[in-house]
Amino acid sequence: MAILSGIIGDIVGSRFEKRVSAPEKFRLFTKNSRFTDDTVLTVAVADAILSGISYERKIKQYYCKYPHHGYGKAFKAWATTKENTKNDSWGNGAPMRVSPIGYAFNSSGQVLREARNSARNSHCHSSAIKGAQAVAFSIFMIRMGAGKKDIKRVMEDRFAYDLSKIHTCEEVGFSCTSDFTVSQSLAIFLQTDSFEECIRKSVWVGGDTDTTACISGSIAGAYYRIIPYKIQEEALAKLPRKFIAVLDKFTRRYIK
């Protein structure tokens, strides 16, 4: 289930968030591993696509039903407003939830437009919209047969990300901006050789580990496609039945 890959990253990264780094070898799942807002809102976006209900309405519905999963203050304030309220955030909340769009739409124009639409109310800053578009477009490119060299070129040339280096939290401090998190996640994906290695590296660098692993994991899952069954099984055991039902329906409809 490729759509589960970002959610796996979120759950694995959840217990290390804001730490300078994780141990070199760590258990992927423990009793303290949990899904966070990254998972809730990824499922919300998938549900919006399936139902035809607006991204904004679905995101707010899911927030109201699952309000205690690590949302930022600005997002929580926005999520309780009337529809069409804009929040000028450049945080990483838009790219962390956008992966379903990379699977559901079949042209570059559609993917870019829908990624923008999914971000524009809660994260209307240009860097957040760009981040959502970059993540969704990476997954779309993989679906179209692109390799890592192609993805790197497009992400650097079209989206202006610097993918030359992976930065640790110890080096640069904690950041949850869209520009930093997306470039970090892309660089990790490009410089690792398997899904599990990508998730582990995303956690090892420290900082906003759940979101970095969610974004890098969503791209790695599309690229490598094979996620060990045991890892999928442990992640699914952490999720509500409602989430699993949405993910199953989305997979049957959009992921071949």
Foldseek 3Di string as FASTA:
>chain_A
DLLCQLQLLLQQQVVQAQPLFDDLDDDSDDPPGAGALLLLLLLLVLVCVVVVPFLLVSSLVSCVVVVPGDDDPLLVVLSPDDPPAADQAQFQSLQSNQLLLLQADQDLVSSLVVSLRNQCRSHVHPNNSLLSSLLSVLLNVVVVPDDLVVSVVCCCVVSVADLPDAAACVGPNADRGSRVLSSNLSNLLSPDDALVSSSNVLRRSHHRRSSSSSSNRSSRCSNRVDDDPVSVVSSVVNDDPVSVVSVVVSCVVGPD
